[in-house]
């Protein structure tokens, strides 16, 4: 006997997430999350830690610039994650 599937889980009801408005929004937020993480980790792993013992005049300025870039990406990420008004129309077959 086949397993019982919850309503809306069959192939007929599956949607391509990227073509669905909420799915596209999630992909956009995810892309911003990756960019934010890349900048954050690059600042820490490739600039701050390797150069922490060196006396460099512009090191703090570089770190501050990367922090500002990271903060800007976080703002964009949070703005993109806000719920958007959607209009759906249900059709009876």
Foldseek 3Di string as FASTA:
>chain_A
DDDDDDPQPDPVNDDDLCVDVVSVLVVVLVVLVVVLVVLVCCLVPVQCVVCVPPDDPCSVVVSVVSVVVSVVSVVVSVVSPDDDDDDDDDDDD
